[in-house]
Amino acid sequence: MREVVIYPGEDKYWIAECPSLPGCISQGKSKEEAIINIKEAIDLYIETLKDDGLQNN
């Protein structure tokens, strides 16, 4: 489980950021959509780390 920070952005979008994964940021038109999008971004980020041999799990 990872900490996610959600805050209002521009144009009525919500920004979701995972501080423990540098550059792992997403957005959505609602908080719920931002959460769904950041979960996908985290999964893809970790998958990329694994592919690059930088993550064991």
N, C-alpha and C. Protein backbone atom coordinates (compact mmCIF):
# COMPACT_ATOMS: atom_id res chain seq x y z
N MET A 1 0.85 -1.18 0.00
CA MET A 1 0.00 0.00 0.00
C MET A 1 0.90 1.24 0.00
N ARG A 2 0.50 2.22 -0.75
CA ARG A 2 1.28 3.46 -0.87
C ARG A 2 0.42 4.67 -0.50
N GLU A 3 1.09 5.66 0.03
CA GLU A 3 0.41 6.92 0.35
C GLU A 3 0.14 7.68 -0.95
N VAL A 4 -1.05 8.23 -1.05
CA VAL A 4 -1.43 9.05 -2.20
C VAL A 4 -1.96 10.38 -1.68
N VAL A 5 -1.52 11.45 -2.31
CA VAL A 5 -1.96 12.80 -1.96
C VAL A 5 -2.86 13.28 -3.09
N ILE A 6 -4.03 13.79 -2.72
CA ILE A 6 -4.98 14.29 -3.71
C ILE A 6 -5.27 15.76 -3.42
N TYR A 7 -5.20 16.57 -4.46
CA TYR A 7 -5.46 18.00 -4.27
C TYR A 7 -6.06 18.59 -5.54
N PRO A 8 -6.81 19.70 -5.40
CA PRO A 8 -7.43 20.31 -6.58
C PRO A 8 -6.38 20.93 -7.49
N GLY A 9 -6.57 20.71 -8.78
CA GLY A 9 -5.69 21.30 -9.78
C GLY A 9 -6.42 22.36 -10.59
N GLU A 10 -5.91 22.62 -11.75
CA GLU A 10 -6.53 23.62 -12.62
C GLU A 10 -7.70 23.02 -13.39
N ASP A 11 -8.55 23.85 -13.86
CA ASP A 11 -9.68 23.46 -14.72
C ASP A 11 -10.57 22.40 -14.08
N LYS A 12 -10.75 22.47 -12.78
CA LYS A 12 -11.65 21.59 -12.04
C LYS A 12 -11.21 20.12 -12.04
N TYR A 13 -9.95 19.85 -12.30
CA TYR A 13 -9.41 18.50 -12.22
C TYR A 13 -8.82 18.28 -10.84
N TRP A 14 -8.75 17.02 -10.42
CA TRP A 14 -8.10 16.64 -9.17
C TRP A 14 -6.78 15.96 -9.51
N ILE A 15 -5.74 16.32 -8.79
CA ILE A 15 -4.41 15.76 -8.98
C ILE A 15 -4.18 14.70 -7.91
N ALA A 16 -3.64 13.56 -8.32
CA ALA A 16 -3.29 12.49 -7.39
C ALA A 16 -1.80 12.20 -7.58
N GLU A 17 -1.08 12.17 -6.48
CA GLU A 17 0.37 12.00 -6.53
C GLU A 17 0.79 10.96 -5.50
N CYS A 18 1.75 10.12 -5.88
CA CYS A 18 2.31 9.12 -4.97
C CYS A 18 3.73 9.57 -4.61
N PRO A 19 3.90 10.21 -3.45
CA PRO A 19 5.20 10.78 -3.09
C PRO A 19 6.36 9.78 -3.04
N SER A 20 6.07 8.51 -2.74
CA SER A 20 7.16 7.54 -2.63
C SER A 20 7.65 7.06 -4.01
N LEU A 21 6.95 7.44 -5.06
CA LEU A 21 7.37 7.09 -6.42
C LEU A 21 7.55 8.40 -7.21
N PRO A 22 8.75 8.92 -7.27
CA PRO A 22 8.99 10.22 -7.92
C PRO A 22 8.42 10.29 -9.33
N GLY A 23 7.63 11.33 -9.57
CA GLY A 23 7.05 11.55 -10.88
C GLY A 23 5.78 10.77 -11.14
N CYS A 24 5.31 10.01 -10.17
CA CYS A 24 4.08 9.23 -10.33
C CYS A 24 2.89 10.11 -9.96
N ILE A 25 2.31 10.73 -10.98
CA ILE A 25 1.23 11.69 -10.80
C ILE A 25 0.15 11.38 -11.84
N SER A 26 -1.10 11.57 -11.45
CA SER A 26 -2.21 11.40 -12.37
C SER A 26 -3.27 12.44 -12.03
N GLN A 27 -4.39 12.39 -12.73
CA GLN A 27 -5.46 13.34 -12.48
C GLN A 27 -6.79 12.73 -12.87
N GLY A 28 -7.86 13.40 -12.50
CA GLY A 28 -9.20 12.97 -12.87
C GLY A 28 -10.17 14.11 -12.69
N LYS A 29 -11.33 13.98 -13.31
CA LYS A 29 -12.36 15.02 -13.21
C LYS A 29 -13.03 15.01 -11.85
N SER A 30 -12.90 13.89 -11.12
CA SER A 30 -13.42 13.79 -9.75
C SER A 30 -12.33 13.15 -8.89
N LYS A 31 -12.50 13.22 -7.57
CA LYS A 31 -11.54 12.57 -6.69
C LYS A 31 -11.51 11.07 -6.97
N GLU A 32 -12.67 10.49 -7.17
CA GLU A 32 -12.77 9.05 -7.42
C GLU A 32 -12.02 8.66 -8.69
N GLU A 33 -12.18 9.45 -9.74
CA GLU A 33 -11.49 9.17 -11.00
C GLU A 33 -9.98 9.34 -10.82
N ALA A 34 -9.57 10.34 -10.06
CA ALA A 34 -8.14 10.55 -9.80
C ALA A 34 -7.56 9.36 -9.05
N ILE A 35 -8.30 8.79 -8.11
CA ILE A 35 -7.83 7.63 -7.35
C ILE A 35 -7.69 6.42 -8.27
N ILE A 36 -8.67 6.19 -9.11
CA ILE A 36 -8.60 5.07 -10.06
C ILE A 36 -7.38 5.25 -10.97
N ASN A 37 -7.16 6.46 -11.45
CA ASN A 37 -6.06 6.73 -12.37
C ASN A 37 -4.70 6.59 -11.68
N ILE A 38 -4.57 7.03 -10.44
CA ILE A 38 -3.28 6.92 -9.76
C ILE A 38 -2.98 5.46 -9.42
N LYS A 39 -4.00 4.67 -9.12
CA LYS A 39 -3.76 3.24 -8.88
C LYS A 39 -3.17 2.59 -10.13
N GLU A 40 -3.71 2.93 -11.29
CA GLU A 40 -3.18 2.40 -12.54
C GLU A 40 -1.75 2.90 -12.78
N ALA A 41 -1.53 4.18 -12.50
CA ALA A 41 -0.19 4.75 -12.69
C ALA A 41 0.83 4.08 -11.77
N ILE A 42 0.44 3.80 -10.53
CA ILE A 42 1.34 3.13 -9.58
C ILE A 42 1.65 1.72 -10.09
N ASP A 43 0.64 0.99 -10.53
CA ASP A 43 0.86 -0.36 -11.06
C ASP A 43 1.83 -0.34 -12.23
N LEU A 44 1.64 0.59 -13.16
CA LEU A 44 2.52 0.68 -14.32
C LEU A 44 3.93 1.11 -13.92
N TYR A 45 4.04 2.01 -12.97
CA TYR A 45 5.34 2.48 -12.48
C TYR A 45 6.12 1.29 -11.91
N ILE A 46 5.47 0.51 -11.05
CA ILE A 46 6.13 -0.62 -10.41
C ILE A 46 6.46 -1.70 -11.44
N GLU A 47 5.58 -1.91 -12.40
CA GLU A 47 5.84 -2.88 -13.47
C GLU A 47 7.09 -2.48 -14.25
N THR A 48 7.22 -1.19 -14.52
CA THR A 48 8.40 -0.69 -15.23
C THR A 48 9.67 -0.89 -14.40
N LEU A 49 9.58 -0.64 -13.09
CA LEU A 49 10.73 -0.88 -12.22
C LEU A 49 11.14 -2.35 -12.27
N LYS A 50 10.17 -3.25 -12.24
CA LYS A 50 10.45 -4.69 -12.30
C LYS A 50 11.11 -5.03 -13.63
N ASP A 51 10.57 -4.51 -14.72
CA ASP A 51 11.13 -4.77 -16.06
C ASP A 51 12.56 -4.29 -16.17
N ASP A 52 12.88 -3.21 -15.46
CA ASP A 52 14.23 -2.65 -15.48
C ASP A 52 15.14 -3.29 -14.42
N GLY A 53 14.59 -4.25 -13.66
CA GLY A 53 15.38 -4.93 -12.64
C GLY A 53 15.64 -4.10 -11.41
N LEU A 54 14.81 -3.11 -11.15
CA LEU A 54 15.00 -2.21 -10.02
C LEU A 54 14.05 -2.50 -8.86
N GLN A 55 13.14 -3.44 -9.04
CA GLN A 55 12.15 -3.80 -8.00
C GLN A 55 12.06 -5.32 -7.96
N ASN A 56 12.07 -5.88 -6.75
CA ASN A 56 12.03 -7.33 -6.61
C ASN A 56 10.63 -7.90 -6.59
N ASN A 57 9.66 -7.21 -6.01
CA ASN A 57 8.31 -7.77 -5.84
C ASN A 57 7.50 -7.56 -7.09
